[in-house]
Every structure is written in C-alpha cells, then in structure tokens.
Amino acid sequence: VTFIFTLLIGRVQRRQPNLVWRKFPEL
C-alpha cells in the first residue's frame, strides 16, 4: 500500500507542465 501510495503521490507531483520537443529528420 505504501508503494502504491508513493506512486500516486508521484503522479500528483507530476501534475505540472511537461514540454517535449521533437526534432524531425533534417533536409
């Protein structure tokens, strides 16, 4: 239960902006 609770807390803490940038193949 502690392990699951820690995961849930982690998900709550990750409720923040998450910017991902992807580079496409170069021409």
PDB file of all heavy atoms in Angstrom:
ATOM      1  N   VAL A   1       0.838  -1.209   0.000  1.00  0.00           N
ATOM      2  CA  VAL A   1       0.000   0.000   0.000  1.00  0.00           C
ATOM      3  C   VAL A   1       0.868   1.253   0.000  1.00  0.00           C
ATOM      4  O   VAL A   1       0.577   2.230  -0.695  1.00  0.00           O
ATOM      5  CB  VAL A   1      -0.944  -0.012   1.227  1.00  0.00           C
ATOM      6  CG1 VAL A   1      -1.665   1.327   1.366  1.00  0.00           C
ATOM      7  CG2 VAL A   1      -1.953  -1.142   1.096  1.00  0.00           C
ATOM      8  N   THR A   2       1.964   1.219   0.777  1.00  0.00           N
ATOM      9  CA  THR A   2       2.875   2.361   0.800  1.00  0.00           C
ATOM     10  C   THR A   2       3.484   2.607  -0.567  1.00  0.00           C
ATOM     11  O   THR A   2       3.616   3.755  -1.016  1.00  0.00           O
ATOM     12  CB  THR A   2       3.998   2.118   1.827  1.00  0.00           C
ATOM     13  OG1 THR A   2       3.413   1.902   3.114  1.00  0.00           O
ATOM     14  CG2 THR A   2       4.942   3.316   1.900  1.00  0.00           C
ATOM     15  N   PHE A   3       3.839   1.512  -1.257  1.00  0.00           N
ATOM     16  CA  PHE A   3       4.416   1.632  -2.604  1.00  0.00           C
ATOM     17  C   PHE A   3       3.404   2.264  -3.562  1.00  0.00           C
ATOM     18  O   PHE A   3       3.736   3.174  -4.321  1.00  0.00           O
ATOM     19  CB  PHE A   3       4.837   0.252  -3.093  1.00  0.00           C
ATOM     20  CG  PHE A   3       5.368   0.237  -4.494  1.00  0.00           C
ATOM     21  CD1 PHE A   3       6.604   0.793  -4.790  1.00  0.00           C
ATOM     22  CD2 PHE A   3       4.629  -0.331  -5.513  1.00  0.00           C
ATOM     23  CE1 PHE A   3       7.087   0.790  -6.081  1.00  0.00           C
ATOM     24  CE2 PHE A   3       5.103  -0.344  -6.804  1.00  0.00           C
ATOM     25  CZ  PHE A   3       6.333   0.214  -7.088  1.00  0.00           C
ATOM     26  N   ILE A   4       2.139   1.779  -3.517  1.00  0.00           N
ATOM     27  CA  ILE A   4       1.101   2.336  -4.391  1.00  0.00           C
ATOM     28  C   ILE A   4       0.833   3.799  -4.041  1.00  0.00           C
ATOM     29  O   ILE A   4       0.686   4.652  -4.931  1.00  0.00           O
ATOM     30  CB  ILE A   4      -0.195   1.509  -4.270  1.00  0.00           C
ATOM     31  CG1 ILE A   4       0.042   0.069  -4.761  1.00  0.00           C
ATOM     32  CG2 ILE A   4      -1.321   2.161  -5.058  1.00  0.00           C
ATOM     33  CD1 ILE A   4       0.456  -0.024  -6.212  1.00  0.00           C
ATOM     34  N   PHE A   5       0.807   4.093  -2.736  1.00  0.00           N
ATOM     35  CA  PHE A   5       0.567   5.474  -2.307  1.00  0.00           C
ATOM     36  C   PHE A   5       1.684   6.394  -2.801  1.00  0.00           C
ATOM     37  O   PHE A   5       1.432   7.517  -3.236  1.00  0.00           O
ATOM     38  CB  PHE A   5       0.476   5.526  -0.782  1.00  0.00           C
ATOM     39  CG  PHE A   5       0.205   6.894  -0.234  1.00  0.00           C
ATOM     40  CD1 PHE A   5      -1.042   7.470  -0.337  1.00  0.00           C
ATOM     41  CD2 PHE A   5       1.220   7.628   0.382  1.00  0.00           C
ATOM     42  CE1 PHE A   5      -1.291   8.732   0.162  1.00  0.00           C
ATOM     43  CE2 PHE A   5       0.988   8.887   0.889  1.00  0.00           C
ATOM     44  CZ  PHE A   5      -0.280   9.446   0.776  1.00  0.00           C
ATOM     45  N   THR A   6       2.920   5.897  -2.752  1.00  0.00           N
ATOM     46  CA  THR A   6       4.050   6.682  -3.250  1.00  0.00           C
ATOM     47  C   THR A   6       3.916   6.965  -4.737  1.00  0.00           C
ATOM     48  O   THR A   6       4.202   8.071  -5.211  1.00  0.00           O
ATOM     49  CB  THR A   6       5.370   5.944  -2.974  1.00  0.00           C
ATOM     50  OG1 THR A   6       5.477   5.683  -1.568  1.00  0.00           O
ATOM     51  CG2 THR A   6       6.570   6.777  -3.422  1.00  0.00           C
ATOM     52  N   LEU A   7       3.460   5.955  -5.490  1.00  0.00           N
ATOM     53  CA  LEU A   7       3.250   6.159  -6.922  1.00  0.00           C
ATOM     54  C   LEU A   7       2.173   7.214  -7.168  1.00  0.00           C
ATOM     55  O   LEU A   7       2.319   8.061  -8.060  1.00  0.00           O
ATOM     56  CB  LEU A   7       2.850   4.838  -7.582  1.00  0.00           C
ATOM     57  CG  LEU A   7       3.931   3.761  -7.696  1.00  0.00           C
ATOM     58  CD1 LEU A   7       3.362   2.534  -8.404  1.00  0.00           C
ATOM     59  CD2 LEU A   7       5.135   4.285  -8.462  1.00  0.00           C
ATOM     60  N   LEU A   8       1.096   7.142  -6.373  1.00  0.00           N
ATOM     61  CA  LEU A   8       0.028   8.130  -6.543  1.00  0.00           C
ATOM     62  C   LEU A   8       0.509   9.530  -6.208  1.00  0.00           C
ATOM     63  O   LEU A   8       0.170  10.506  -6.901  1.00  0.00           O
ATOM     64  CB  LEU A   8      -1.171   7.758  -5.661  1.00  0.00           C
ATOM     65  CG  LEU A   8      -1.915   6.468  -6.036  1.00  0.00           C
ATOM     66  CD1 LEU A   8      -3.016   6.181  -5.032  1.00  0.00           C
ATOM     67  CD2 LEU A   8      -2.506   6.599  -7.449  1.00  0.00           C
ATOM     68  N   ILE A   9       1.297   9.646  -5.136  1.00  0.00           N
ATOM     69  CA  ILE A   9       1.860  10.947  -4.788  1.00  0.00           C
ATOM     70  C   ILE A   9       2.747  11.464  -5.909  1.00  0.00           C
ATOM     71  O   ILE A   9       2.736  12.644  -6.264  1.00  0.00           O
ATOM     72  CB  ILE A   9       2.657  10.853  -3.470  1.00  0.00           C
ATOM     73  CG1 ILE A   9       1.700  10.607  -2.291  1.00  0.00           C
ATOM     74  CG2 ILE A   9       3.475  12.115  -3.228  1.00  0.00           C
ATOM     75  CD1 ILE A   9       0.729  11.740  -2.048  1.00  0.00           C
ATOM     76  N   GLY A  10       3.514  10.530  -6.495  1.00  0.00           N
ATOM     77  CA  GLY A  10       4.367  10.916  -7.616  1.00  0.00           C
ATOM     78  C   GLY A  10       3.566  11.440  -8.791  1.00  0.00           C
ATOM     79  O   GLY A  10       3.950  12.415  -9.438  1.00  0.00           O
ATOM     80  N   ARG A  11       2.420  10.793  -9.043  1.00  0.00           N
ATOM     81  CA  ARG A  11       1.574  11.265 -10.143  1.00  0.00           C
ATOM     82  C   ARG A  11       1.013  12.646  -9.832  1.00  0.00           C
ATOM     83  O   ARG A  11       0.915  13.507 -10.715  1.00  0.00           O
ATOM     84  CB  ARG A  11       0.437  10.277 -10.393  1.00  0.00           C
ATOM     85  CG  ARG A  11       0.874   8.982 -11.055  1.00  0.00           C
ATOM     86  CD  ARG A  11      -0.322   8.101 -11.368  1.00  0.00           C
ATOM     87  NE  ARG A  11      -1.233   8.775 -12.299  1.00  0.00           N
ATOM     88  CZ  ARG A  11      -1.125   8.722 -13.609  1.00  0.00           C
ATOM     89  NH1 ARG A  11      -0.139   8.051 -14.167  1.00  0.00           N
ATOM     90  NH2 ARG A  11      -1.997   9.349 -14.374  1.00  0.00           N
ATOM     91  N   VAL A  12       0.637  12.846  -8.579  1.00  0.00           N
ATOM     92  CA  VAL A  12       0.125  14.167  -8.196  1.00  0.00           C
ATOM     93  C   VAL A  12       1.216  15.224  -8.351  1.00  0.00           C
ATOM     94  O   VAL A  12       0.982  16.332  -8.861  1.00  0.00           O
ATOM     95  CB  VAL A  12      -0.409  14.134  -6.750  1.00  0.00           C
ATOM     96  CG1 VAL A  12      -0.739  15.544  -6.274  1.00  0.00           C
ATOM     97  CG2 VAL A  12      -1.630  13.242  -6.661  1.00  0.00           C
ATOM     98  N   GLN A  13       2.433  14.872  -7.918  1.00  0.00           N
ATOM     99  CA  GLN A  13       3.525  15.827  -8.018  1.00  0.00           C
ATOM    100  C   GLN A  13       3.890  16.122  -9.470  1.00  0.00           C
ATOM    101  O   GLN A  13       4.447  17.177  -9.766  1.00  0.00           O
ATOM    102  CB  GLN A  13       4.742  15.296  -7.270  1.00  0.00           C
ATOM    103  CG  GLN A  13       4.552  15.256  -5.765  1.00  0.00           C
ATOM    104  CD  GLN A  13       5.724  14.621  -5.054  1.00  0.00           C
ATOM    105  OE1 GLN A  13       6.516  13.891  -5.647  1.00  0.00           O
ATOM    106  NE2 GLN A  13       5.843  14.906  -3.766  1.00  0.00           N
ATOM    107  N   ARG A  14       3.611  15.154 -10.361  1.00  0.00           N
ATOM    108  CA  ARG A  14       3.928  15.378 -11.764  1.00  0.00           C
ATOM    109  C   ARG A  14       2.836  16.153 -12.495  1.00  0.00           C
ATOM    110  O   ARG A  14       2.910  16.306 -13.716  1.00  0.00           O
ATOM    111  CB  ARG A  14       4.165  14.029 -12.461  1.00  0.00           C
ATOM    112  CG  ARG A  14       5.488  13.372 -12.086  1.00  0.00           C
ATOM    113  CD  ARG A  14       5.836  12.268 -13.046  1.00  0.00           C
ATOM    114  NE  ARG A  14       4.883  11.181 -12.990  1.00  0.00           N
ATOM    115  CZ  ARG A  14       4.979  10.130 -12.174  1.00  0.00           C
ATOM    116  NH1 ARG A  14       5.974  10.058 -11.330  1.00  0.00           N
ATOM    117  NH2 ARG A  14       4.076   9.170 -12.188  1.00  0.00           N
ATOM    118  N   ARG A  15       1.822  16.584 -11.780  1.00  0.00           N
ATOM    119  CA  ARG A  15       0.780  17.373 -12.428  1.00  0.00           C
ATOM    120  C   ARG A  15       1.281  18.800 -12.620  1.00  0.00           C
ATOM    121  O   ARG A  15       0.881  19.737 -11.932  1.00  0.00           O
ATOM    122  CB  ARG A  15      -0.500  17.352 -11.587  1.00  0.00           C
ATOM    123  CG  ARG A  15      -1.150  15.983 -11.502  1.00  0.00           C
ATOM    124  CD  ARG A  15      -2.425  16.036 -10.691  1.00  0.00           C
ATOM    125  NE  ARG A  15      -3.441  16.856 -11.346  1.00  0.00           N
ATOM    126  CZ  ARG A  15      -4.291  16.389 -12.259  1.00  0.00           C
ATOM    127  NH1 ARG A  15      -4.228  15.130 -12.626  1.00  0.00           N
ATOM    128  NH2 ARG A  15      -5.192  17.178 -12.801  1.00  0.00           N
ATOM    129  N   GLN A  16       2.188  18.942 -13.551  1.00  0.00           N
ATOM    130  CA  GLN A  16       2.787  20.217 -13.871  1.00  0.00           C
ATOM    131  C   GLN A  16       3.100  20.243 -15.357  1.00  0.00           C
ATOM    132  O   GLN A  16       2.983  19.221 -16.034  1.00  0.00           O
ATOM    133  CB  GLN A  16       4.051  20.428 -13.040  1.00  0.00           C
ATOM    134  CG  GLN A  16       5.080  19.323 -13.161  1.00  0.00           C
ATOM    135  CD  GLN A  16       6.227  19.545 -12.194  1.00  0.00           C
ATOM    136  OE1 GLN A  16       6.652  20.658 -11.973  1.00  0.00           O
ATOM    137  NE2 GLN A  16       6.730  18.464 -11.627  1.00  0.00           N
ATOM    138  N   PRO A  17       3.459  21.398 -15.894  1.00  0.00           N
ATOM    139  CA  PRO A  17       3.766  21.462 -17.327  1.00  0.00           C
ATOM    140  C   PRO A  17       4.912  20.525 -17.697  1.00  0.00           C
ATOM    141  O   PRO A  17       5.885  20.403 -16.974  1.00  0.00           O
ATOM    142  CB  PRO A  17       4.160  22.920 -17.526  1.00  0.00           C
ATOM    143  CG  PRO A  17       3.549  23.662 -16.403  1.00  0.00           C
ATOM    144  CD  PRO A  17       3.547  22.719 -15.243  1.00  0.00           C
ATOM    145  N   ASN A  18       4.764  19.864 -18.831  1.00  0.00           N
ATOM    146  CA  ASN A  18       5.797  18.957 -19.320  1.00  0.00           C
ATOM    147  C   ASN A  18       5.985  19.213 -20.813  1.00  0.00           C
ATOM    148  O   ASN A  18       5.210  18.730 -21.633  1.00  0.00           O
ATOM    149  CB  ASN A  18       5.395  17.503 -19.065  1.00  0.00           C
ATOM    150  CG  ASN A  18       6.480  16.527 -19.490  1.00  0.00           C
ATOM    151  OD1 ASN A  18       7.611  16.921 -19.767  1.00  0.00           O
ATOM    152  ND2 ASN A  18       6.136  15.254 -19.558  1.00  0.00           N
ATOM    153  N   LEU A  19       7.004  20.001 -21.129  1.00  0.00           N
ATOM    154  CA  LEU A  19       7.252  20.360 -22.524  1.00  0.00           C
ATOM    155  C   LEU A  19       8.194  19.345 -23.164  1.00  0.00           C
ATOM    156  O   LEU A  19       9.257  19.046 -22.624  1.00  0.00           O
ATOM    157  CB  LEU A  19       7.856  21.767 -22.618  1.00  0.00           C
ATOM    158  CG  LEU A  19       6.990  22.903 -22.043  1.00  0.00           C
ATOM    159  CD1 LEU A  19       7.634  24.239 -22.348  1.00  0.00           C
ATOM    160  CD2 LEU A  19       5.587  22.859 -22.608  1.00  0.00           C
ATOM    161  N   VAL A  20       7.781  18.834 -24.290  1.00  0.00           N
ATOM    162  CA  VAL A  20       8.557  17.852 -25.038  1.00  0.00           C
ATOM    163  C   VAL A  20       8.846  18.424 -26.413  1.00  0.00           C
ATOM    164  O   VAL A  20       7.944  18.914 -27.091  1.00  0.00           O
ATOM    165  CB  VAL A  20       7.794  16.514 -25.159  1.00  0.00           C
ATOM    166  CG1 VAL A  20       8.598  15.513 -25.979  1.00  0.00           C
ATOM    167  CG2 VAL A  20       7.483  15.951 -23.778  1.00  0.00           C
ATOM    168  N   TRP A  21      10.122  18.392 -26.812  1.00  0.00           N
ATOM    169  CA  TRP A  21      10.452  18.872 -28.153  1.00  0.00           C
ATOM    170  C   TRP A  21      11.063  17.748 -28.975  1.00  0.00           C
ATOM    171  O   TRP A  21      11.932  17.023 -28.525  1.00  0.00           O
ATOM    172  CB  TRP A  21      11.332  20.121 -28.114  1.00  0.00           C
ATOM    173  CG  TRP A  21      12.567  20.039 -27.249  1.00  0.00           C
ATOM    174  CD1 TRP A  21      13.827  19.774 -27.649  1.00  0.00           C
ATOM    175  CD2 TRP A  21      12.641  20.296 -25.847  1.00  0.00           C
ATOM    176  NE1 TRP A  21      14.701  19.824 -26.602  1.00  0.00           N
ATOM    177  CE2 TRP A  21      13.996  20.152 -25.459  1.00  0.00           C
ATOM    178  CE3 TRP A  21      11.714  20.619 -24.855  1.00  0.00           C
ATOM    179  CZ2 TRP A  21      14.432  20.319 -24.166  1.00  0.00           C
ATOM    180  CZ3 TRP A  21      12.151  20.784 -23.563  1.00  0.00           C
ATOM    181  CH2 TRP A  21      13.491  20.642 -23.222  1.00  0.00           C
ATOM    182  N   ARG A  22      10.528  17.622 -30.173  1.00  0.00           N
ATOM    183  CA  ARG A  22      10.919  16.541 -31.072  1.00  0.00           C
ATOM    184  C   ARG A  22      11.508  17.138 -32.358  1.00  0.00           C
ATOM    185  O   ARG A  22      10.934  18.027 -32.969  1.00  0.00           O
ATOM    186  CB  ARG A  22       9.697  15.693 -31.404  1.00  0.00           C
ATOM    187  CG  ARG A  22       9.967  14.537 -32.355  1.00  0.00           C
ATOM    188  CD  ARG A  22       8.703  13.764 -32.676  1.00  0.00           C
ATOM    189  NE  ARG A  22       8.092  13.217 -31.475  1.00  0.00           N
ATOM    190  CZ  ARG A  22       6.946  13.649 -30.959  1.00  0.00           C
ATOM    191  NH1 ARG A  22       6.297  14.641 -31.549  1.00  0.00           N
ATOM    192  NH2 ARG A  22       6.459  13.119 -29.865  1.00  0.00           N
ATOM    193  N   LYS A  23      12.645  16.607 -32.731  1.00  0.00           N
ATOM    194  CA  LYS A  23      13.288  17.066 -33.975  1.00  0.00           C
ATOM    195  C   LYS A  23      12.933  16.108 -35.108  1.00  0.00           C
ATOM    196  O   LYS A  23      13.071  14.891 -34.969  1.00  0.00           O
ATOM    197  CB  LYS A  23      14.804  17.124 -33.802  1.00  0.00           C
ATOM    198  CG  LYS A  23      15.534  17.606 -35.050  1.00  0.00           C
ATOM    199  CD  LYS A  23      17.030  17.575 -34.836  1.00  0.00           C
ATOM    200  CE  LYS A  23      17.767  18.007 -36.112  1.00  0.00           C
ATOM    201  NZ  LYS A  23      19.230  17.944 -35.956  1.00  0.00           N
ATOM    202  N   PHE A  24      12.494  16.668 -36.225  1.00  0.00           N
ATOM    203  CA  PHE A  24      12.181  15.860 -37.391  1.00  0.00           C
ATOM    204  C   PHE A  24      13.438  15.647 -38.229  1.00  0.00           C
ATOM    205  O   PHE A  24      14.432  16.379 -38.088  1.00  0.00           O
ATOM    206  CB  PHE A  24      11.079  16.531 -38.220  1.00  0.00           C
ATOM    207  CG  PHE A  24       9.751  16.548 -37.515  1.00  0.00           C
ATOM    208  CD1 PHE A  24       9.268  17.708 -36.922  1.00  0.00           C
ATOM    209  CD2 PHE A  24       8.989  15.394 -37.430  1.00  0.00           C
ATOM    210  CE1 PHE A  24       8.054  17.724 -36.276  1.00  0.00           C
ATOM    211  CE2 PHE A  24       7.771  15.401 -36.774  1.00  0.00           C
ATOM    212  CZ  PHE A  24       7.299  16.560 -36.197  1.00  0.00           C
ATOM    213  N   PRO A  25      13.420  14.642 -39.114  1.00  0.00           N
ATOM    214  CA  PRO A  25      14.606  14.392 -39.945  1.00  0.00           C
ATOM    215  C   PRO A  25      15.033  15.638 -40.723  1.00  0.00           C
ATOM    216  O   PRO A  25      14.213  16.384 -41.249  1.00  0.00           O
ATOM    217  CB  PRO A  25      14.134  13.284 -40.880  1.00  0.00           C
ATOM    218  CG  PRO A  25      13.055  12.574 -40.115  1.00  0.00           C
ATOM    219  CD  PRO A  25      12.357  13.648 -39.337  1.00  0.00           C
ATOM    220  N   GLU A  26      16.331  15.817 -40.752  1.00  0.00           N
ATOM    221  CA  GLU A  26      16.889  17.012 -41.404  1.00  0.00           C
ATOM    222  C   GLU A  26      16.882  16.860 -42.926  1.00  0.00           C
ATOM    223  O   GLU A  26      17.120  15.777 -43.463  1.00  0.00           O
ATOM    224  CB  GLU A  26      18.322  17.215 -40.903  1.00  0.00           C
ATOM    225  CG  GLU A  26      18.995  18.461 -41.436  1.00  0.00           C
ATOM    226  CD  GLU A  26      20.386  18.638 -40.863  1.00  0.00           C
ATOM    227  OE1 GLU A  26      20.776  17.816 -40.017  1.00  0.00           O
ATOM    228  OE2 GLU A  26      21.076  19.579 -41.281  1.00  0.00           O
ATOM    229  N   LEU A  27      16.601  17.972 -43.626  1.00  0.00           N
ATOM    230  CA  LEU A  27      16.652  18.019 -45.096  1.00  0.00           C
ATOM    231  C   LEU A  27      17.905  18.780 -45.499  1.00  0.00           C
ATOM    232  O   LEU A  27      18.070  19.959 -45.160  1.00  0.00           O
ATOM    233  CB  LEU A  27      15.410  18.714 -45.658  1.00  0.00           C
ATOM    234  CG  LEU A  27      14.056  18.043 -45.320  1.00  0.00           C
ATOM    235  CD1 LEU A  27      12.913  18.888 -45.865  1.00  0.00           C
ATOM    236  CD2 LEU A  27      13.997  16.634 -45.884  1.00  0.00           C
TER     237      LEU A  27
END
